[in-house]
Amino acid sequence: MITLGGIAVDNPFTVSDRSTDTSTTPGSEGTADEENAATPPPTTVESDTEPSDDHVADRTGVNFVPGVEDFSVSTEVFDESSPDVEDGFVTPGEHRLLRFDMIIYNMGDADAELGRPENRPDLFEYSESHGHAHLKGFNNYVLLDESGERTGAVRKQTFCLRDLYQTRSTASSSSQFDCEYQGISAGWADEYDASLPGQYIVIDDLPAGEYTLQATTNAAGTIDETCDGDNTVRVDLRINNDTVTVHTSQSHYVRPSAC
């Protein structure tokens, strides 16, 4: 179990047989199928992250908390017809990528309901690589150097918000949101697997060294939250050629809710 904002929840990052938004091999053409992902069987692990929040019971609304995991470095080739290129994730050619999972928990007591993307063209755009509409710039990824300064490795990532994992035993047991009618229910979470199109930062000329990945959800404040002070998680990494070593303990891959 992990405890976020005083609420104990199952940690989807410990589930090895999970089914998420799927696609073809990174860099190849294909369509993802996020809507048919199956909720994995319950698997729990104890975490030493136990943030306290005496005011949790007083909050009413949506509260997103992010997590990251499964870091890898890969070199991939994209041609001009690649869906990643069509979506503007990357330019044609060979690129070195830092890939990782991104998960978003709704730790609040209200559903984050966005509805049908076609009704909000100001907020959504169609993703060729995923085959459905994504919320614009919902997640923001920044790689910081050892001194805390921004490197050139950044990404504003679009996202389809849906119910993938039930993370709170008292939450509704049935998912109600998918990529056709988007949102994340209270006590549920959504995840983008590291292998998906666009789920990476381009690190072509990044030298070997110590870095920090800073991942922020609801980065533009598109969805009103009761608290936005827990929307960013940071993980310390060492990147050397095509290897990445994570220095941060696994219990801190998820941002503790401190609001």
C-alpha atoms as a PDB file:
ATOM      1  CA  MET A   1       0.000   0.000   0.000  1.00  0.00           C
ATOM      2  CA  ILE A   2       0.984   3.623  -0.378  1.00  0.00           C
ATOM      3  CA  THR A   3      -0.439   6.443   1.709  1.00  0.00           C
ATOM      4  CA  LEU A   4      -1.224   9.722  -0.011  1.00  0.00           C
ATOM      5  CA  GLY A   5      -2.773  12.579   1.895  1.00  0.00           C
ATOM      6  CA  GLY A   6      -3.642  10.225   4.747  1.00  0.00           C
ATOM      7  CA  ILE A   7      -5.428   7.778   2.414  1.00  0.00           C
ATOM      8  CA  ALA A   8      -3.989   4.297   1.869  1.00  0.00           C
ATOM      9  CA  VAL A   9      -4.283   3.051  -1.718  1.00  0.00           C
ATOM     10  CA  ASP A  10      -2.984   0.190  -3.816  1.00  0.00           C
ATOM     11  CA  ASN A  11       0.128   1.150  -5.779  1.00  0.00           C
ATOM     12  CA  PRO A  12      -0.342   0.278  -9.483  1.00  0.00           C
ATOM     13  CA  PHE A  13       3.410   0.564 -10.012  1.00  0.00           C
ATOM     14  CA  THR A  14       3.871  -2.738  -8.179  1.00  0.00           C
ATOM     15  CA  VAL A  15       1.586  -4.650 -10.542  1.00  0.00           C
ATOM     16  CA  SER A  16       3.664  -6.570 -13.068  1.00  0.00           C
ATOM     17  CA  ASP A  17       0.766  -7.864 -15.192  1.00  0.00           C
ATOM     18  CA  ARG A  18      -1.008  -4.626 -15.943  1.00  0.00           C
ATOM     19  CA  SER A  19      -2.729  -3.748 -19.184  1.00  0.00           C
ATOM     20  CA  THR A  20      -2.481  -0.136 -20.236  1.00  0.00           C
ATOM     21  CA  ASP A  21      -2.725   2.029 -23.326  1.00  0.00           C
ATOM     22  CA  THR A  22      -1.038  -0.176 -25.903  1.00  0.00           C
ATOM     23  CA  SER A  23       0.650   0.593 -29.186  1.00  0.00           C
ATOM     24  CA  THR A  24       3.086  -0.771 -31.689  1.00  0.00           C
ATOM     25  CA  THR A  25       6.832  -0.664 -31.110  1.00  0.00           C
ATOM     26  CA  PRO A  26       8.004   2.877 -30.204  1.00  0.00           C
ATOM     27  CA  GLY A  27       8.774   4.845 -33.345  1.00  0.00           C
ATOM     28  CA  SER A  28       6.575   2.664 -35.552  1.00  0.00           C
ATOM     29  CA  GLU A  29       3.187   3.486 -36.983  1.00  0.00           C
ATOM     30  CA  GLY A  30       0.140   2.180 -35.161  1.00  0.00           C
ATOM     31  CA  THR A  31      -2.943   2.997 -33.139  1.00  0.00           C
ATOM     32  CA  ALA A  32      -3.127   2.757 -29.353  1.00  0.00           C
ATOM     33  CA  ASP A  33      -6.096   1.142 -27.626  1.00  0.00           C
ATOM     34  CA  GLU A  34      -6.455   2.907 -24.293  1.00  0.00           C
ATOM     35  CA  GLU A  35     -10.143   2.221 -23.859  1.00  0.00           C
ATOM     36  CA  ASN A  36      -9.934  -1.563 -23.524  1.00  0.00           C
ATOM     37  CA  ALA A  37      -7.275  -1.688 -20.804  1.00  0.00           C
ATOM     38  CA  ALA A  38      -8.189  -4.145 -18.072  1.00  0.00           C
ATOM     39  CA  THR A  39      -7.888  -3.397 -14.361  1.00  0.00           C
ATOM     40  CA  PRO A  40      -5.171  -5.684 -12.964  1.00  0.00           C
ATOM     41  CA  PRO A  41      -5.674  -7.942  -9.946  1.00  0.00           C
ATOM     42  CA  PRO A  42      -4.970  -6.252  -6.596  1.00  0.00           C
ATOM     43  CA  THR A  43      -1.302  -6.315  -5.652  1.00  0.00           C
ATOM     44  CA  THR A  44       0.048  -4.319  -2.724  1.00  0.00           C
ATOM     45  CA  VAL A  45       3.371  -3.422  -1.222  1.00  0.00           C
ATOM     46  CA  GLU A  46       4.169  -1.472   1.896  1.00  0.00           C
ATOM     47  CA  SER A  47       5.678   1.977   1.389  1.00  0.00           C
ATOM     48  CA  ASP A  48       7.667   4.080   3.840  1.00  0.00           C
ATOM     49  CA  THR A  49       6.044   7.224   2.466  1.00  0.00           C
ATOM     50  CA  GLU A  50       3.449   8.257   5.025  1.00  0.00           C
ATOM     51  CA  PRO A  51       2.632  11.962   4.618  1.00  0.00           C
ATOM     52  CA  SER A  52       0.130  13.329   7.070  1.00  0.00           C
ATOM     53  CA  ASP A  53      -2.667  15.768   6.345  1.00  0.00           C
ATOM     54  CA  ASP A  54      -5.047  16.718   9.130  1.00  0.00           C
ATOM     55  CA  HIS A  55      -7.348  18.543   6.709  1.00  0.00           C
ATOM     56  CA  VAL A  56      -8.065  15.783   4.209  1.00  0.00           C
ATOM     57  CA  ALA A  57     -11.575  15.256   5.530  1.00  0.00           C
ATOM     58  CA  ASP A  58     -12.354  18.955   5.070  1.00  0.00           C
ATOM     59  CA  ARG A  59     -11.528  19.060   1.350  1.00  0.00           C
ATOM     60  CA  THR A  60     -14.162  18.587  -1.320  1.00  0.00           C
ATOM     61  CA  GLY A  61     -13.103  18.351  -4.937  1.00  0.00           C
ATOM     62  CA  VAL A  62     -10.539  16.948  -7.355  1.00  0.00           C
ATOM     63  CA  ASN A  63      -6.926  16.418  -6.282  1.00  0.00           C
ATOM     64  CA  PHE A  64      -4.385  15.016  -8.749  1.00  0.00           C
ATOM     65  CA  VAL A  65      -1.167  13.419  -7.512  1.00  0.00           C
ATOM     66  CA  PRO A  66       1.453  12.204 -10.061  1.00  0.00           C
ATOM     67  CA  GLY A  67       3.872   9.296 -10.074  1.00  0.00           C
ATOM     68  CA  VAL A  68       6.644   8.119 -12.434  1.00  0.00           C
ATOM     69  CA  GLU A  69       8.518   4.841 -12.905  1.00  0.00           C
ATOM     70  CA  ASP A  70      10.191   2.413 -15.346  1.00  0.00           C
ATOM     71  CA  PHE A  71      12.974   4.637 -16.708  1.00  0.00           C
ATOM     72  CA  SER A  72      14.981   3.626 -19.762  1.00  0.00           C
ATOM     73  CA  VAL A  73      17.106   5.199 -22.494  1.00  0.00           C
ATOM     74  CA  SER A  74      16.641   4.089 -26.089  1.00  0.00           C
ATOM     75  CA  THR A  75      17.784   5.196 -29.546  1.00  0.00           C
ATOM     76  CA  GLU A  76      14.949   5.124 -32.080  1.00  0.00           C
ATOM     77  CA  VAL A  77      14.428   6.137 -35.701  1.00  0.00           C
ATOM     78  CA  PHE A  78      11.331   8.028 -36.866  1.00  0.00           C
ATOM     79  CA  ASP A  79      10.451   8.581 -40.510  1.00  0.00           C
ATOM     80  CA  GLU A  80       8.313  11.401 -41.881  1.00  0.00           C
ATOM     81  CA  SER A  81       5.168   9.262 -41.834  1.00  0.00           C
ATOM     82  CA  SER A  82       5.587   8.204 -38.215  1.00  0.00           C
ATOM     83  CA  PRO A  83       2.552   9.073 -36.060  1.00  0.00           C
ATOM     84  CA  ASP A  84       4.974  10.497 -33.474  1.00  0.00           C
ATOM     85  CA  VAL A  85       6.205  12.936 -36.119  1.00  0.00           C
ATOM     86  CA  GLU A  86       2.659  13.752 -37.261  1.00  0.00           C
ATOM     87  CA  ASP A  87       1.731  14.513 -33.661  1.00  0.00           C
ATOM     88  CA  GLY A  88       4.767  16.786 -33.273  1.00  0.00           C
ATOM     89  CA  PHE A  89       6.345  14.647 -30.552  1.00  0.00           C
ATOM     90  CA  VAL A  90       9.634  14.384 -32.446  1.00  0.00           C
ATOM     91  CA  THR A  91      11.270  15.383 -35.732  1.00  0.00           C
ATOM     92  CA  PRO A  92      12.158  12.809 -38.429  1.00  0.00           C
ATOM     93  CA  GLY A  93      15.462  11.003 -37.902  1.00  0.00           C
ATOM     94  CA  GLU A  94      17.310   9.172 -35.164  1.00  0.00           C
ATOM     95  CA  HIS A  95      16.756  10.282 -31.589  1.00  0.00           C
ATOM     96  CA  ARG A  96      17.882   9.295 -28.118  1.00  0.00           C
ATOM     97  CA  LEU A  97      14.936   9.126 -25.731  1.00  0.00           C
ATOM     98  CA  LEU A  98      14.376   8.972 -21.985  1.00  0.00           C
ATOM     99  CA  ARG A  99      11.208   6.902 -21.530  1.00  0.00           C
ATOM    100  CA  PHE A 100       9.188   6.414 -18.321  1.00  0.00           C
ATOM    101  CA  ASP A 101       5.699   5.586 -17.028  1.00  0.00           C
ATOM    102  CA  MET A 102       3.455   8.437 -15.897  1.00  0.00           C
ATOM    103  CA  ILE A 103       0.509   7.832 -13.573  1.00  0.00           C
ATOM    104  CA  ILE A 104      -2.110  10.285 -12.297  1.00  0.00           C
ATOM    105  CA  TYR A 105      -4.117   9.573  -9.151  1.00  0.00           C
ATOM    106  CA  ASN A 106      -7.310  11.453  -8.348  1.00  0.00           C
ATOM    107  CA  MET A 107      -6.904  11.538  -4.576  1.00  0.00           C
ATOM    108  CA  GLY A 108      -9.827  13.932  -4.080  1.00  0.00           C
ATOM    109  CA  ASP A 109     -13.406  13.042  -3.254  1.00  0.00           C
ATOM    110  CA  ALA A 110     -14.914  14.393  -6.492  1.00  0.00           C
ATOM    111  CA  ASP A 111     -14.701  13.125 -10.047  1.00  0.00           C
ATOM    112  CA  ALA A 112     -12.679  15.066 -12.614  1.00  0.00           C
ATOM    113  CA  GLU A 113     -15.190  15.059 -15.465  1.00  0.00           C
ATOM    114  CA  LEU A 114     -14.240  16.569 -18.825  1.00  0.00           C
ATOM    115  CA  GLY A 115     -16.789  14.918 -21.093  1.00  0.00           C
ATOM    116  CA  ARG A 116     -16.638  14.467 -24.856  1.00  0.00           C
ATOM    117  CA  PRO A 117     -13.603  16.058 -26.540  1.00  0.00           C
ATOM    118  CA  GLU A 118     -15.656  17.133 -29.573  1.00  0.00           C
ATOM    119  CA  ASN A 119     -17.582  19.464 -27.294  1.00  0.00           C
ATOM    120  CA  ARG A 120     -14.394  21.234 -26.158  1.00  0.00           C
ATOM    121  CA  PRO A 121     -12.135  21.768 -29.207  1.00  0.00           C
ATOM    122  CA  ASP A 122     -10.384  24.535 -27.270  1.00  0.00           C
ATOM    123  CA  LEU A 123      -9.064  21.955 -24.803  1.00  0.00           C
ATOM    124  CA  PHE A 124      -8.538  18.854 -26.941  1.00  0.00           C
ATOM    125  CA  GLU A 125      -6.616  17.867 -30.050  1.00  0.00           C
ATOM    126  CA  TYR A 126      -6.626  14.630 -32.037  1.00  0.00           C
ATOM    127  CA  SER A 127      -3.614  12.352 -31.631  1.00  0.00           C
ATOM    128  CA  GLU A 128      -2.672  10.410 -34.759  1.00  0.00           C
ATOM    129  CA  SER A 129      -0.393   8.093 -32.797  1.00  0.00           C
ATOM    130  CA  HIS A 130      -3.024   7.192 -30.207  1.00  0.00           C
ATOM    131  CA  GLY A 131      -6.119   7.277 -32.393  1.00  0.00           C
ATOM    132  CA  HIS A 132      -8.258   9.562 -30.221  1.00  0.00           C
ATOM    133  CA  ALA A 133      -8.394  13.038 -28.710  1.00  0.00           C
ATOM    134  CA  HIS A 134      -5.986  14.210 -26.018  1.00  0.00           C
ATOM    135  CA  LEU A 135      -6.209  17.051 -23.513  1.00  0.00           C
ATOM    136  CA  LYS A 136      -3.632  19.631 -24.597  1.00  0.00           C
ATOM    137  CA  GLY A 137      -0.487  20.076 -22.490  1.00  0.00           C
ATOM    138  CA  PHE A 138      -1.904  18.273 -19.476  1.00  0.00           C
ATOM    139  CA  ASN A 139       1.474  16.952 -18.316  1.00  0.00           C
ATOM    140  CA  ASN A 140       4.779  18.793 -18.361  1.00  0.00           C
ATOM    141  CA  TYR A 141       8.152  17.008 -18.208  1.00  0.00           C
ATOM    142  CA  VAL A 142      11.390  18.866 -17.506  1.00  0.00           C
ATOM    143  CA  LEU A 143      14.896  17.463 -17.039  1.00  0.00           C
ATOM    144  CA  LEU A 144      17.021  19.503 -14.616  1.00  0.00           C
ATOM    145  CA  ASP A 145      20.813  19.318 -14.400  1.00  0.00           C
ATOM    146  CA  GLU A 146      22.825  18.745 -11.226  1.00  0.00           C
ATOM    147  CA  SER A 147      22.637  22.427 -10.285  1.00  0.00           C
ATOM    148  CA  GLY A 148      18.869  22.483 -10.701  1.00  0.00           C
ATOM    149  CA  GLU A 149      18.911  24.386 -13.989  1.00  0.00           C
ATOM    150  CA  ARG A 150      16.674  23.391 -16.883  1.00  0.00           C
ATOM    151  CA  THR A 151      18.277  21.453 -19.694  1.00  0.00           C
ATOM    152  CA  GLY A 152      16.878  21.585 -23.217  1.00  0.00           C
ATOM    153  CA  ALA A 153      15.056  18.299 -22.546  1.00  0.00           C
ATOM    154  CA  VAL A 154      11.425  19.265 -21.946  1.00  0.00           C
ATOM    155  CA  ARG A 155       8.008  18.162 -23.131  1.00  0.00           C
ATOM    156  CA  LYS A 156       4.426  19.352 -22.815  1.00  0.00           C
ATOM    157  CA  GLN A 157       2.523  16.096 -23.132  1.00  0.00           C
ATOM    158  CA  THR A 158      -1.082  15.715 -24.258  1.00  0.00           C
ATOM    159  CA  PHE A 159      -3.120  13.100 -22.426  1.00  0.00           C
ATOM    160  CA  CYS A 160      -6.329  11.065 -22.581  1.00  0.00           C
ATOM    161  CA  LEU A 161      -7.872  11.050 -19.108  1.00  0.00           C
ATOM    162  CA  ARG A 162      -9.660   7.805 -18.221  1.00  0.00           C
ATOM    163  CA  ASP A 163     -10.306   5.396 -15.361  1.00  0.00           C
ATOM    164  CA  LEU A 164      -7.679   2.637 -15.479  1.00  0.00           C
ATOM    165  CA  TYR A 165      -7.004   1.587 -11.857  1.00  0.00           C
ATOM    166  CA  GLN A 166      -9.291   1.710  -8.847  1.00  0.00           C
ATOM    167  CA  THR A 167      -6.922   2.893  -6.097  1.00  0.00           C
ATOM    168  CA  ARG A 168      -9.269   3.393  -3.147  1.00  0.00           C
ATOM    169  CA  SER A 169     -11.391   0.560  -1.778  1.00  0.00           C
ATOM    170  CA  THR A 170     -14.274   2.929  -1.014  1.00  0.00           C
ATOM    171  CA  ALA A 171     -14.358   4.318  -4.566  1.00  0.00           C
ATOM    172  CA  SER A 172     -16.827   3.205  -7.207  1.00  0.00           C
ATOM    173  CA  SER A 173     -15.892  -0.283  -8.409  1.00  0.00           C
ATOM    174  CA  SER A 174     -16.893   0.500 -11.994  1.00  0.00           C
ATOM    175  CA  SER A 175     -14.944   2.771 -14.322  1.00  0.00           C
ATOM    176  CA  GLN A 176     -16.964   5.576 -15.876  1.00  0.00           C
ATOM    177  CA  PHE A 177     -14.444   7.482 -18.035  1.00  0.00           C
ATOM    178  CA  ASP A 178     -12.586   6.526 -21.212  1.00  0.00           C
ATOM    179  CA  CYS A 179     -11.058   8.343 -24.165  1.00  0.00           C
ATOM    180  CA  GLU A 180     -14.483   9.000 -25.697  1.00  0.00           C
ATOM    181  CA  TYR A 181     -15.881  10.575 -22.519  1.00  0.00           C
ATOM    182  CA  GLN A 182     -12.888  11.714 -20.513  1.00  0.00           C
ATOM    183  CA  GLY A 183     -12.144  12.179 -16.843  1.00  0.00           C
ATOM    184  CA  ILE A 184     -10.725  10.420 -13.772  1.00  0.00           C
ATOM    185  CA  SER A 185     -13.059   9.288 -11.001  1.00  0.00           C
ATOM    186  CA  ALA A 186     -12.328   9.960  -7.343  1.00  0.00           C
ATOM    187  CA  GLY A 187     -10.249   7.076  -6.032  1.00  0.00           C
ATOM    188  CA  TRP A 188      -9.104   6.019  -9.517  1.00  0.00           C
ATOM    189  CA  ALA A 189      -5.934   6.576 -11.542  1.00  0.00           C
ATOM    190  CA  ASP A 190      -4.786   6.698 -15.155  1.00  0.00           C
ATOM    191  CA  GLU A 191      -1.386   5.627 -16.487  1.00  0.00           C
ATOM    192  CA  TYR A 192       0.663   6.152 -19.652  1.00  0.00           C
ATOM    193  CA  ASP A 193       3.126   3.333 -20.171  1.00  0.00           C
ATOM    194  CA  ALA A 194       6.733   4.167 -21.087  1.00  0.00           C
ATOM    195  CA  SER A 195       6.420   2.384 -24.442  1.00  0.00           C
ATOM    196  CA  LEU A 196       3.653   4.652 -25.764  1.00  0.00           C
ATOM    197  CA  PRO A 197       4.114   7.207 -28.558  1.00  0.00           C
ATOM    198  CA  GLY A 198       5.193  10.537 -27.095  1.00  0.00           C
ATOM    199  CA  GLN A 199       5.775   9.219 -23.581  1.00  0.00           C
ATOM    200  CA  TYR A 200       9.398  10.360 -23.470  1.00  0.00           C
ATOM    201  CA  ILE A 201      11.808  13.277 -23.419  1.00  0.00           C
ATOM    202  CA  VAL A 202      14.278  13.694 -26.298  1.00  0.00           C
ATOM    203  CA  ILE A 203      17.850  13.746 -24.913  1.00  0.00           C
ATOM    204  CA  ASP A 204      19.870  13.655 -28.159  1.00  0.00           C
ATOM    205  CA  ASP A 205      22.953  15.640 -27.078  1.00  0.00           C
ATOM    206  CA  LEU A 206      22.590  15.301 -23.326  1.00  0.00           C
ATOM    207  CA  PRO A 207      26.000  14.575 -21.737  1.00  0.00           C
ATOM    208  CA  ALA A 208      26.471  11.906 -19.092  1.00  0.00           C
ATOM    209  CA  GLY A 209      25.697  13.217 -15.625  1.00  0.00           C
ATOM    210  CA  GLU A 210      23.299  13.589 -12.719  1.00  0.00           C
ATOM    211  CA  TYR A 211      19.814  14.835 -13.516  1.00  0.00           C
ATOM    212  CA  THR A 212      16.355  15.255 -11.995  1.00  0.00           C
ATOM    213  CA  LEU A 213      13.160  14.472 -13.868  1.00  0.00           C
ATOM    214  CA  GLN A 214      10.424  16.901 -12.849  1.00  0.00           C
ATOM    215  CA  ALA A 215       6.965  15.713 -13.927  1.00  0.00           C
ATOM    216  CA  THR A 216       3.930  17.933 -13.385  1.00  0.00           C
ATOM    217  CA  THR A 217       0.302  16.992 -13.995  1.00  0.00           C
ATOM    218  CA  ASN A 218      -2.515  19.450 -14.735  1.00  0.00           C
ATOM    219  CA  ALA A 219       0.342  21.784 -15.581  1.00  0.00           C
ATOM    220  CA  ALA A 220      -1.810  24.503 -17.146  1.00  0.00           C
ATOM    221  CA  GLY A 221      -4.437  24.362 -14.400  1.00  0.00           C
ATOM    222  CA  THR A 222      -7.051  23.214 -16.920  1.00  0.00           C
ATOM    223  CA  ILE A 223      -8.977  21.314 -14.250  1.00  0.00           C
ATOM    224  CA  ASP A 224      -9.860  23.016 -10.960  1.00  0.00           C
ATOM    225  CA  GLU A 225      -8.357  21.246  -7.946  1.00  0.00           C
ATOM    226  CA  THR A 226      -8.739  21.659  -4.223  1.00  0.00           C
ATOM    227  CA  CYS A 227      -4.948  21.723  -4.095  1.00  0.00           C
ATOM    228  CA  ASP A 228      -2.280  22.089  -6.762  1.00  0.00           C
ATOM    229  CA  GLY A 229       0.758  22.062  -4.469  1.00  0.00           C
ATOM    230  CA  ASP A 230       1.183  18.304  -4.933  1.00  0.00           C
ATOM    231  CA  ASN A 231       1.067  18.204  -8.733  1.00  0.00           C
ATOM    232  CA  THR A 232       4.812  17.723  -9.260  1.00  0.00           C
ATOM    233  CA  VAL A 233       7.022  14.705  -8.572  1.00  0.00           C
ATOM    234  CA  ARG A 234      10.831  14.711  -8.884  1.00  0.00           C
ATOM    235  CA  VAL A 235      13.132  11.717  -9.344  1.00  0.00           C
ATOM    236  CA  ASP A 236      16.954  11.856  -9.345  1.00  0.00           C
ATOM    237  CA  LEU A 237      18.705   9.998 -12.169  1.00  0.00           C
ATOM    238  CA  ARG A 238      22.150   9.339 -13.560  1.00  0.00           C
ATOM    239  CA  ILE A 239      22.179   9.165 -17.358  1.00  0.00           C
ATOM    240  CA  ASN A 240      25.228   7.719 -19.086  1.00  0.00           C
ATOM    241  CA  ASN A 241      24.996   6.940 -22.808  1.00  0.00           C
ATOM    242  CA  ASP A 242      22.131   4.417 -23.104  1.00  0.00           C
ATOM    243  CA  THR A 243      21.764   3.619 -19.415  1.00  0.00           C
ATOM    244  CA  VAL A 244      19.821   5.324 -16.657  1.00  0.00           C
ATOM    245  CA  THR A 245      20.223   4.725 -12.918  1.00  0.00           C
ATOM    246  CA  VAL A 246      17.554   5.910 -10.498  1.00  0.00           C
ATOM    247  CA  HIS A 247      18.825   7.350  -7.210  1.00  0.00           C
ATOM    248  CA  THR A 248      15.442   8.145  -5.654  1.00  0.00           C
ATOM    249  CA  SER A 249      13.913   5.324  -3.601  1.00  0.00           C
ATOM    250  CA  GLN A 250      10.876   3.671  -5.134  1.00  0.00           C
ATOM    251  CA  SER A 251       8.593   4.849  -2.332  1.00  0.00           C
ATOM    252  CA  HIS A 252       9.148   8.406  -3.577  1.00  0.00           C
ATOM    253  CA  TYR A 253       8.279   7.726  -7.233  1.00  0.00           C
ATOM    254  CA  VAL A 254       4.797   8.949  -6.257  1.00  0.00           C
ATOM    255  CA  ARG A 255       4.381  12.501  -5.002  1.00  0.00           C
ATOM    256  CA  PRO A 256       3.012  12.468  -1.438  1.00  0.00           C
ATOM    257  CA  SER A 257      -0.042  14.678  -1.076  1.00  0.00           C
ATOM    258  CA  ALA A 258       0.957  17.528   1.226  1.00  0.00           C
ATOM    259  CA  CYS A 259      -2.062  19.798   0.796  1.00  0.00           C
END
